[in-house]
Amino acid sequence: MRGSASDAPLLRVSEAAELAGLSTRAIYRAIERGELRASRLCSRLRIPRAAFDEWIERSTVRPAEPPAAPAPPPPPMPAGSFRALLARREERSS
C-alpha cells in the first residue's frame, strides 16, 4: 500500500496539485516554464518532493518594504525681490 503524498520522495502531478491547492494544469505550466523541476520516468512526470518544497518556498510572498519617509518640505522663500534681499543682507553684514 502506498503512503501519503506528503511523505513520498516523488510526487505525481495530481499529488503536487492537491498539495498546493492548484489544478494539474497549473502544475504542468510551472514545469513548462522551468519554475518547478520534474523528471520523466517511463514516460510519466514525477516531481521530487524536495523540488516541490523549494518551489513553494521560492513562491512565498514577502512583506513589502515600508515606504520611505517623505522628504521635509523646503523652507519658505522670503518675500521680496532679489535686489531687496541683497540689500538686507548687506545691511546685516555692516
PDB file of N, CA and C in Angstrom:
ATOM      1  N   MET A   1       0.844  -1.189   0.000  1.00  0.00           N
ATOM      2  CA  MET A   1       0.000   0.000   0.000  1.00  0.00           C
ATOM      3  C   MET A   1       0.882   1.243   0.000  1.00  0.00           C
ATOM      4  N   ARG A   2       0.507   2.192  -0.750  1.00  0.00           N
ATOM      5  CA  ARG A   2       1.275   3.430  -0.918  1.00  0.00           C
ATOM      6  C   ARG A   2       1.025   4.375   0.249  1.00  0.00           C
ATOM      7  N   GLY A   3       2.102   5.079   0.708  1.00  0.00           N
ATOM      8  CA  GLY A   3       1.971   6.053   1.785  1.00  0.00           C
ATOM      9  C   GLY A   3       1.328   7.327   1.273  1.00  0.00           C
ATOM     10  N   SER A   4       1.174   8.281   2.142  1.00  0.00           N
ATOM     11  CA  SER A   4       0.559   9.546   1.725  1.00  0.00           C
ATOM     12  C   SER A   4       1.517  10.333   0.839  1.00  0.00           C
ATOM     13  N   ALA A   5       0.967  11.220   0.038  1.00  0.00           N
ATOM     14  CA  ALA A   5       1.791  12.021  -0.875  1.00  0.00           C
ATOM     15  C   ALA A   5       2.720  12.945  -0.110  1.00  0.00           C
ATOM     16  N   SER A   6       2.354  13.315   1.103  1.00  0.00           N
ATOM     17  CA  SER A   6       3.166  14.272   1.849  1.00  0.00           C
ATOM     18  C   SER A   6       4.523  13.698   2.258  1.00  0.00           C
ATOM     19  N   ASP A   7       4.669  12.364   2.289  1.00  0.00           N
ATOM     20  CA  ASP A   7       5.968  11.785   2.655  1.00  0.00           C
ATOM     21  C   ASP A   7       6.631  11.031   1.508  1.00  0.00           C
ATOM     22  N   ALA A   8       6.046  11.071   0.315  1.00  0.00           N
ATOM     23  CA  ALA A   8       6.610  10.370  -0.836  1.00  0.00           C
ATOM     24  C   ALA A   8       7.805  11.148  -1.386  1.00  0.00           C
ATOM     25  N   PRO A   9       8.887  10.429  -1.792  1.00  0.00           N
ATOM     26  CA  PRO A   9      10.050  11.132  -2.358  1.00  0.00           C
ATOM     27  C   PRO A   9       9.768  11.712  -3.745  1.00  0.00           C
ATOM     28  N   LEU A  10       8.837  11.112  -4.490  1.00  0.00           N
ATOM     29  CA  LEU A  10       8.439  11.605  -5.808  1.00  0.00           C
ATOM     30  C   LEU A  10       6.927  11.808  -5.818  1.00  0.00           C
ATOM     31  N   LEU A  11       6.508  12.924  -6.364  1.00  0.00           N
ATOM     32  CA  LEU A  11       5.081  13.235  -6.435  1.00  0.00           C
ATOM     33  C   LEU A  11       4.583  13.135  -7.865  1.00  0.00           C
ATOM     34  N   ARG A  12       3.375  12.625  -8.021  1.00  0.00           N
ATOM     35  CA  ARG A  12       2.717  12.704  -9.323  1.00  0.00           C
ATOM     36  C   ARG A  12       2.201  14.130  -9.470  1.00  0.00           C
ATOM     37  N   VAL A  13       1.921  14.531 -10.694  1.00  0.00           N
ATOM     38  CA  VAL A  13       1.406  15.881 -10.945  1.00  0.00           C
ATOM     39  C   VAL A  13       0.117  16.098 -10.160  1.00  0.00           C
ATOM     40  N   SER A  14      -0.747  15.119 -10.125  1.00  0.00           N
ATOM     41  CA  SER A  14      -2.016  15.255  -9.396  1.00  0.00           C
ATOM     42  C   SER A  14      -1.775  15.413  -7.897  1.00  0.00           C
ATOM     43  N   GLU A  15      -0.774  14.730  -7.359  1.00  0.00           N
ATOM     44  CA  GLU A  15      -0.465  14.861  -5.933  1.00  0.00           C
ATOM     45  C   GLU A  15       0.098  16.255  -5.624  1.00  0.00           C
ATOM     46  N   ALA A  16       0.979  16.741  -6.492  1.00  0.00           N
ATOM     47  CA  ALA A  16       1.539  18.075  -6.301  1.00  0.00           C
ATOM     48  C   ALA A  16       0.436  19.125  -6.376  1.00  0.00           C
ATOM     49  N   ALA A  17      -0.487  18.939  -7.313  1.00  0.00           N
ATOM     50  CA  ALA A  17      -1.602  19.879  -7.454  1.00  0.00           C
ATOM     51  C   ALA A  17      -2.461  19.876  -6.196  1.00  0.00           C
ATOM     52  N   GLU A  18      -2.736  18.705  -5.660  1.00  0.00           N
ATOM     53  CA  GLU A  18      -3.553  18.605  -4.448  1.00  0.00           C
ATOM     54  C   GLU A  18      -2.845  19.246  -3.255  1.00  0.00           C
ATOM     55  N   LEU A  19      -1.554  18.975  -3.118  1.00  0.00           N
ATOM     56  CA  LEU A  19      -0.806  19.565  -2.003  1.00  0.00           C
ATOM     57  C   LEU A  19      -0.753  21.087  -2.086  1.00  0.00           C
ATOM     58  N   ALA A  20      -0.628  21.609  -3.304  1.00  0.00           N
ATOM     59  CA  ALA A  20      -0.516  23.059  -3.491  1.00  0.00           C
ATOM     60  C   ALA A  20      -1.876  23.741  -3.581  1.00  0.00           C
ATOM     61  N   GLY A  21      -2.937  22.953  -3.712  1.00  0.00           N
ATOM     62  CA  GLY A  21      -4.253  23.550  -3.873  1.00  0.00           C
ATOM     63  C   GLY A  21      -4.428  24.177  -5.239  1.00  0.00           C
ATOM     64  N   LEU A  22      -3.774  23.605  -6.240  1.00  0.00           N
ATOM     65  CA  LEU A  22      -3.828  24.118  -7.609  1.00  0.00           C
ATOM     66  C   LEU A  22      -4.375  23.050  -8.533  1.00  0.00           C
ATOM     67  N   SER A  23      -4.625  23.426  -9.772  1.00  0.00           N
ATOM     68  CA  SER A  23      -5.049  22.448 -10.775  1.00  0.00           C
ATOM     69  C   SER A  23      -3.818  21.736 -11.327  1.00  0.00           C
ATOM     70  N   THR A  24      -4.044  20.573 -11.935  1.00  0.00           N
ATOM     71  CA  THR A  24      -2.925  19.876 -12.572  1.00  0.00           C
ATOM     72  C   THR A  24      -2.376  20.716 -13.723  1.00  0.00           C
ATOM     73  N   ARG A  25      -3.244  21.462 -14.380  1.00  0.00           N
ATOM     74  CA  ARG A  25      -2.790  22.331 -15.486  1.00  0.00           C
ATOM     75  C   ARG A  25      -1.798  23.382 -14.975  1.00  0.00           C
ATOM     76  N   ALA A  26      -2.052  23.938 -13.803  1.00  0.00           N
ATOM     77  CA  ALA A  26      -1.135  24.924 -13.222  1.00  0.00           C
ATOM     78  C   ALA A  26       0.224  24.289 -12.926  1.00  0.00           C
ATOM     79  N   ILE A  27       0.224  23.052 -12.469  1.00  0.00           N
ATOM     80  CA  ILE A  27       1.479  22.350 -12.190  1.00  0.00           C
ATOM     81  C   ILE A  27       2.228  22.086 -13.497  1.00  0.00           C
ATOM     82  N   TYR A  28       1.518  21.613 -14.531  1.00  0.00           N
ATOM     83  CA  TYR A  28       2.153  21.388 -15.826  1.00  0.00           C
ATOM     84  C   TYR A  28       2.763  22.693 -16.362  1.00  0.00           C
ATOM     85  N   ARG A  29       2.055  23.794 -16.208  1.00  0.00           N
ATOM     86  CA  ARG A  29       2.574  25.082 -16.689  1.00  0.00           C
ATOM     87  C   ARG A  29       3.824  25.505 -15.916  1.00  0.00           C
ATOM     88  N   ALA A  30       3.836  25.285 -14.617  1.00  0.00           N
ATOM     89  CA  ALA A  30       5.018  25.621 -13.810  1.00  0.00           C
ATOM     90  C   ALA A  30       6.215  24.785 -14.265  1.00  0.00           C
ATOM     91  N   ILE A  31       5.969  23.541 -14.619  1.00  0.00           N
ATOM     92  CA  ILE A  31       7.041  22.672 -15.129  1.00  0.00           C
ATOM     93  C   ILE A  31       7.517  23.185 -16.487  1.00  0.00           C
ATOM     94  N   GLU A  32       6.587  23.525 -17.369  1.00  0.00           N
ATOM     95  CA  GLU A  32       6.936  24.029 -18.703  1.00  0.00           C
ATOM     96  C   GLU A  32       7.737  25.321 -18.625  1.00  0.00           C
ATOM     97  N   ARG A  33       7.393  26.206 -17.678  1.00  0.00           N
ATOM     98  CA  ARG A  33       8.111  27.476 -17.518  1.00  0.00           C
ATOM     99  C   ARG A  33       9.468  27.293 -16.844  1.00  0.00           C
ATOM    100  N   GLY A  34       9.733  26.116 -16.330  1.00  0.00           N
ATOM    101  CA  GLY A  34      11.006  25.865 -15.660  1.00  0.00           C
ATOM    102  C   GLY A  34      10.999  26.295 -14.202  1.00  0.00           C
ATOM    103  N   GLU A  35       9.849  26.631 -13.673  1.00  0.00           N
ATOM    104  CA  GLU A  35       9.750  27.040 -12.265  1.00  0.00           C
ATOM    105  C   GLU A  35       9.792  25.845 -11.324  1.00  0.00           C
ATOM    106  N   LEU A  36       9.245  24.735 -11.778  1.00  0.00           N
ATOM    107  CA  LEU A  36       9.147  23.520 -10.969  1.00  0.00           C
ATOM    108  C   LEU A  36       9.887  22.401 -11.688  1.00  0.00           C
ATOM    109  N   ARG A  37      10.868  21.827 -11.015  1.00  0.00           N
ATOM    110  CA  ARG A  37      11.687  20.756 -11.604  1.00  0.00           C
ATOM    111  C   ARG A  37      10.927  19.435 -11.544  1.00  0.00           C
ATOM    112  N   ALA A  38      10.974  18.716 -12.657  1.00  0.00           N
ATOM    113  CA  ALA A  38      10.326  17.410 -12.735  1.00  0.00           C
ATOM    114  C   ALA A  38      11.196  16.474 -13.567  1.00  0.00           C
ATOM    115  N   SER A  39      10.974  15.180 -13.392  1.00  0.00           N
ATOM    116  CA  SER A  39      11.699  14.157 -14.158  1.00  0.00           C
ATOM    117  C   SER A  39      10.684  13.300 -14.898  1.00  0.00           C
ATOM    118  N   ARG A  40      11.085  12.830 -16.078  1.00  0.00           N
ATOM    119  CA  ARG A  40      10.222  11.934 -16.832  1.00  0.00           C
ATOM    120  C   ARG A  40      10.764  10.518 -16.632  1.00  0.00           C
ATOM    121  N   LEU A  41       9.986   9.699 -15.946  1.00  0.00           N
ATOM    122  CA  LEU A  41      10.356   8.309 -15.673  1.00  0.00           C
ATOM    123  C   LEU A  41       9.342   7.409 -16.365  1.00  0.00           C
ATOM    124  N   CYS A  42       9.808   6.603 -17.312  1.00  0.00           N
ATOM    125  CA  CYS A  42       8.920   5.697 -18.060  1.00  0.00           C
ATOM    126  C   CYS A  42       7.721   6.460 -18.618  1.00  0.00           C
ATOM    127  N   SER A  43       7.993   7.575 -19.226  1.00  0.00           N
ATOM    128  CA  SER A  43       7.015   8.460 -19.864  1.00  0.00           C
ATOM    129  C   SER A  43       6.038   9.104 -18.880  1.00  0.00           C
ATOM    130  N   ARG A  44       6.341   9.059 -17.599  1.00  0.00           N
ATOM    131  CA  ARG A  44       5.495   9.696 -16.585  1.00  0.00           C
ATOM    132  C   ARG A  44       6.281  10.813 -15.891  1.00  0.00           C
ATOM    133  N   LEU A  45       5.633  11.955 -15.706  1.00  0.00           N
ATOM    134  CA  LEU A  45       6.294  13.047 -14.985  1.00  0.00           C
ATOM    135  C   LEU A  45       6.222  12.791 -13.487  1.00  0.00           C
ATOM    136  N   ARG A  46       7.357  12.956 -12.843  1.00  0.00           N
ATOM    137  CA  ARG A  46       7.426  12.844 -11.385  1.00  0.00           C
ATOM    138  C   ARG A  46       8.179  14.057 -10.861  1.00  0.00           C
ATOM    139  N   ILE A  47       7.709  14.578  -9.759  1.00  0.00           N
ATOM    140  CA  ILE A  47       8.286  15.780  -9.169  1.00  0.00           C
ATOM    141  C   ILE A  47       8.964  15.384  -7.861  1.00  0.00           C
ATOM    142  N   PRO A  48      10.289  15.591  -7.764  1.00  0.00           N
ATOM    143  CA  PRO A  48      10.949  15.300  -6.488  1.00  0.00           C
ATOM    144  C   PRO A  48      10.348  16.167  -5.381  1.00  0.00           C
ATOM    145  N   ARG A  49      10.073  15.544  -4.252  1.00  0.00           N
ATOM    146  CA  ARG A  49       9.454  16.280  -3.143  1.00  0.00           C
ATOM    147  C   ARG A  49      10.293  17.495  -2.751  1.00  0.00           C
ATOM    148  N   ALA A  50      11.620  17.338  -2.755  1.00  0.00           N
ATOM    149  CA  ALA A  50      12.495  18.468  -2.403  1.00  0.00           C
ATOM    150  C   ALA A  50      12.316  19.619  -3.396  1.00  0.00           C
ATOM    151  N   ALA A  51      12.173  19.302  -4.689  1.00  0.00           N
ATOM    152  CA  ALA A  51      11.972  20.345  -5.701  1.00  0.00           C
ATOM    153  C   ALA A  51      10.628  21.036  -5.495  1.00  0.00           C
ATOM    154  N   PHE A  52       9.617  20.269  -5.130  1.00  0.00           N
ATOM    155  CA  PHE A  52       8.296  20.847  -4.859  1.00  0.00           C
ATOM    156  C   PHE A  52       8.365  21.800  -3.670  1.00  0.00           C
ATOM    157  N   ASP A  53       9.019  21.360  -2.589  1.00  0.00           N
ATOM    158  CA  ASP A  53       9.150  22.207  -1.395  1.00  0.00           C
ATOM    159  C   ASP A  53       9.935  23.486  -1.698  1.00  0.00           C
ATOM    160  N   GLU A  54      11.004  23.376  -2.512  1.00  0.00           N
ATOM    161  CA  GLU A  54      11.794  24.555  -2.904  1.00  0.00           C
ATOM    162  C   GLU A  54      10.941  25.519  -3.727  1.00  0.00           C
ATOM    163  N   TRP A  55      10.134  24.964  -4.622  1.00  0.00           N
ATOM    164  CA  TRP A  55       9.258  25.787  -5.463  1.00  0.00           C
ATOM    165  C   TRP A  55       8.278  26.572  -4.600  1.00  0.00           C
ATOM    166  N   ILE A  56       7.706  25.906  -3.618  1.00  0.00           N
ATOM    167  CA  ILE A  56       6.779  26.578  -2.703  1.00  0.00           C
ATOM    168  C   ILE A  56       7.513  27.679  -1.938  1.00  0.00           C
ATOM    169  N   GLU A  57       8.719  27.394  -1.460  1.00  0.00           N
ATOM    170  CA  GLU A  57       9.486  28.379  -0.698  1.00  0.00           C
ATOM    171  C   GLU A  57       9.839  29.596  -1.560  1.00  0.00           C
ATOM    172  N   ARG A  58      10.265  29.361  -2.816  1.00  0.00           N
ATOM    173  CA  ARG A  58      10.602  30.472  -3.717  1.00  0.00           C
ATOM    174  C   ARG A  58       9.377  31.316  -4.048  1.00  0.00           C
ATOM    175  N   SER A  59       8.205  30.719  -3.966  1.00  0.00           N
ATOM    176  CA  SER A  59       6.974  31.422  -4.319  1.00  0.00           C
ATOM    177  C   SER A  59       6.371  32.167  -3.136  1.00  0.00           C
ATOM    178  N   THR A  60       6.995  32.080  -1.993  1.00  0.00           N
ATOM    179  CA  THR A  60       6.474  32.743  -0.804  1.00  0.00           C
ATOM    180  C   THR A  60       6.482  34.254  -1.001  1.00  0.00           C
ATOM    181  N   VAL A  61       5.381  34.881  -0.680  1.00  0.00           N
ATOM    182  CA  VAL A  61       5.249  36.332  -0.809  1.00  0.00           C
ATOM    183  C   VAL A  61       5.872  36.967   0.428  1.00  0.00           C
ATOM    184  N   ARG A  62       6.786  37.857   0.190  1.00  0.00           N
ATOM    185  CA  ARG A  62       7.450  38.568   1.287  1.00  0.00           C
ATOM    186  C   ARG A  62       6.725  39.895   1.521  1.00  0.00           C
ATOM    187  N   PRO A  63       6.713  40.375   2.762  1.00  0.00           N
ATOM    188  CA  PRO A  63       6.070  41.681   3.002  1.00  0.00           C
ATOM    189  C   PRO A  63       6.799  42.781   2.250  1.00  0.00           C
ATOM    190  N   ALA A  64       6.052  43.752   1.796  1.00  0.00           N
ATOM    191  CA  ALA A  64       6.642  44.873   1.059  1.00  0.00           C
ATOM    192  C   ALA A  64       7.447  45.744   2.017  1.00  0.00           C
ATOM    193  N   GLU A  65       8.468  46.373   1.477  1.00  0.00           N
ATOM    194  CA  GLU A  65       9.262  47.309   2.272  1.00  0.00           C
ATOM    195  C   GLU A  65       8.384  48.507   2.619  1.00  0.00           C
ATOM    196  N   PRO A  66       8.474  48.992   3.850  1.00  0.00           N
ATOM    197  CA  PRO A  66       7.669  50.177   4.172  1.00  0.00           C
ATOM    198  C   PRO A  66       8.133  51.356   3.331  1.00  0.00           C
ATOM    199  N   PRO A  67       7.216  52.221   2.953  1.00  0.00           N
ATOM    200  CA  PRO A  67       7.617  53.366   2.121  1.00  0.00           C
ATOM    201  C   PRO A  67       8.562  54.272   2.896  1.00  0.00           C
ATOM    202  N   ALA A  68       9.460  54.886   2.178  1.00  0.00           N
ATOM    203  CA  ALA A  68      10.412  55.816   2.795  1.00  0.00           C
ATOM    204  C   ALA A  68       9.658  57.037   3.296  1.00  0.00           C
ATOM    205  N   ALA A  69      10.174  57.593   4.357  1.00  0.00           N
ATOM    206  CA  ALA A  69       9.549  58.798   4.908  1.00  0.00           C
ATOM    207  C   ALA A  69       9.633  59.918   3.873  1.00  0.00           C
ATOM    208  N   PRO A  70       8.574  60.680   3.728  1.00  0.00           N
ATOM    209  CA  PRO A  70       8.616  61.763   2.736  1.00  0.00           C
ATOM    210  C   PRO A  70       9.644  62.819   3.136  1.00  0.00           C
ATOM    211  N   ALA A  71      10.242  63.428   2.148  1.00  0.00           N
ATOM    212  CA  ALA A  71      11.231  64.486   2.394  1.00  0.00           C
ATOM    213  C   ALA A  71      10.533  65.690   3.020  1.00  0.00           C
ATOM    214  N   PRO A  72      11.201  66.358   3.941  1.00  0.00           N
ATOM    215  CA  PRO A  72      10.568  67.531   4.548  1.00  0.00           C
ATOM    216  C   PRO A  72      10.395  68.621   3.498  1.00  0.00           C
ATOM    217  N   PRO A  73       9.375  69.437   3.667  1.00  0.00           N
ATOM    218  CA  PRO A  73       9.146  70.492   2.671  1.00  0.00           C
ATOM    219  C   PRO A  73      10.276  71.522   2.732  1.00  0.00           C
ATOM    220  N   PRO A  74      10.578  72.161   1.615  1.00  0.00           N
ATOM    221  CA  PRO A  74      11.644  73.167   1.614  1.00  0.00           C
ATOM    222  C   PRO A  74      11.239  74.360   2.485  1.00  0.00           C
ATOM    223  N   PRO A  75      12.224  75.062   3.033  1.00  0.00           N
ATOM    224  CA  PRO A  75      11.889  76.220   3.867  1.00  0.00           C
ATOM    225  C   PRO A  75      11.184  77.277   3.020  1.00  0.00           C
ATOM    226  N   PRO A  76      10.341  78.075   3.657  1.00  0.00           N
ATOM    227  CA  PRO A  76       9.610  79.084   2.879  1.00  0.00           C
ATOM    228  C   PRO A  76      10.570  80.124   2.304  1.00  0.00           C
ATOM    229  N   MET A  77      10.226  80.575   1.121  1.00  0.00           N
ATOM    230  CA  MET A  77      11.046  81.583   0.448  1.00  0.00           C
ATOM    231  C   MET A  77      10.733  82.952   1.049  1.00  0.00           C
ATOM    232  N   PRO A  78      11.764  83.754   1.310  1.00  0.00           N
ATOM    233  CA  PRO A  78      11.496  85.094   1.824  1.00  0.00           C
ATOM    234  C   PRO A  78      10.811  85.940   0.754  1.00  0.00           C
ATOM    235  N   ALA A  79       9.990  86.837   1.213  1.00  0.00           N
ATOM    236  CA  ALA A  79       9.260  87.698   0.288  1.00  0.00           C
ATOM    237  C   ALA A  79      10.165  88.808  -0.226  1.00  0.00           C
ATOM    238  N   GLY A  80       9.897  89.309  -1.394  1.00  0.00           N
ATOM    239  CA  GLY A  80      10.637  90.437  -1.940  1.00  0.00           C
ATOM    240  C   GLY A  80      11.463  90.058  -3.139  1.00  0.00           C
ATOM    241  N   SER A  81      12.036  91.065  -3.753  1.00  0.00           N
ATOM    242  CA  SER A  81      12.844  90.837  -4.938  1.00  0.00           C
ATOM    243  C   SER A  81      14.250  90.434  -4.540  1.00  0.00           C
ATOM    244  N   PHE A  82      15.003  89.977  -5.505  1.00  0.00           N
ATOM    245  CA  PHE A  82      16.381  89.564  -5.267  1.00  0.00           C
ATOM    246  C   PHE A  82      17.241  90.746  -4.816  1.00  0.00           C
ATOM    247  N   ARG A  83      17.009  91.906  -5.424  1.00  0.00           N
ATOM    248  CA  ARG A  83      17.794  93.098  -5.041  1.00  0.00           C
ATOM    249  C   ARG A  83      17.496  93.500  -3.596  1.00  0.00           C
ATOM    250  N   ALA A  84      16.220  93.387  -3.200  1.00  0.00           N
ATOM    251  CA  ALA A  84      15.855  93.734  -1.830  1.00  0.00           C
ATOM    252  C   ALA A  84      16.520  92.774  -0.853  1.00  0.00           C
ATOM    253  N   LEU A  85      16.582  91.521  -1.202  1.00  0.00           N
ATOM    254  CA  LEU A  85      17.246  90.529  -0.345  1.00  0.00           C
ATOM    255  C   LEU A  85      18.729  90.843  -0.208  1.00  0.00           C
ATOM    256  N   LEU A  86      19.373  91.213  -1.315  1.00  0.00           N
ATOM    257  CA  LEU A  86      20.799  91.555  -1.262  1.00  0.00           C
ATOM    258  C   LEU A  86      21.026  92.792  -0.403  1.00  0.00           C
ATOM    259  N   ALA A  87      20.133  93.768  -0.523  1.00  0.00           N
ATOM    260  CA  ALA A  87      20.269  94.994   0.262  1.00  0.00           C
ATOM    261  C   ALA A  87      20.144  94.680   1.747  1.00  0.00           C
ATOM    262  N   ARG A  88      19.183  93.844   2.129  1.00  0.00           N
ATOM    263  CA  ARG A  88      19.019  93.473   3.537  1.00  0.00           C
ATOM    264  C   ARG A  88      20.219  92.690   4.039  1.00  0.00           C
ATOM    265  N   ARG A  89      20.767  91.867   3.179  1.00  0.00           N
ATOM    266  CA  ARG A  89      21.941  91.082   3.558  1.00  0.00           C
ATOM    267  C   ARG A  89      23.136  91.994   3.826  1.00  0.00           C
ATOM    268  N   GLU A  90      23.307  93.012   2.970  1.00  0.00           N
ATOM    269  CA  GLU A  90      24.403  93.960   3.141  1.00  0.00           C
ATOM    270  C   GLU A  90      24.223  94.763   4.423  1.00  0.00           C
ATOM    271  N   GLU A  91      22.943  95.117   4.725  1.00  0.00           N
ATOM    272  CA  GLU A  91      22.673  95.882   5.961  1.00  0.00           C
ATOM    273  C   GLU A  91      23.040  95.082   7.196  1.00  0.00           C
ATOM    274  N   ARG A  92      22.750  93.779   7.176  1.00  0.00           N
ATOM    275  CA  ARG A  92      23.055  92.927   8.323  1.00  0.00           C
ATOM    276  C   ARG A  92      24.550  92.735   8.481  1.00  0.00           C
ATOM    277  N   SER A  93      25.286  92.667   7.391  1.00  0.00           N
ATOM    278  CA  SER A  93      26.732  92.398   7.479  1.00  0.00           C
ATOM    279  C   SER A  93      27.526  93.652   7.847  1.00  0.00           C
ATOM    280  N   SER A  94      26.947  94.856   7.728  1.00  0.00           N
ATOM    281  CA  SER A  94      27.709  96.068   8.057  1.00  0.00           C
ATOM    282  C   SER A  94      27.528  96.507   9.469  1.00  0.00           C
TER     283      SER A  94
END
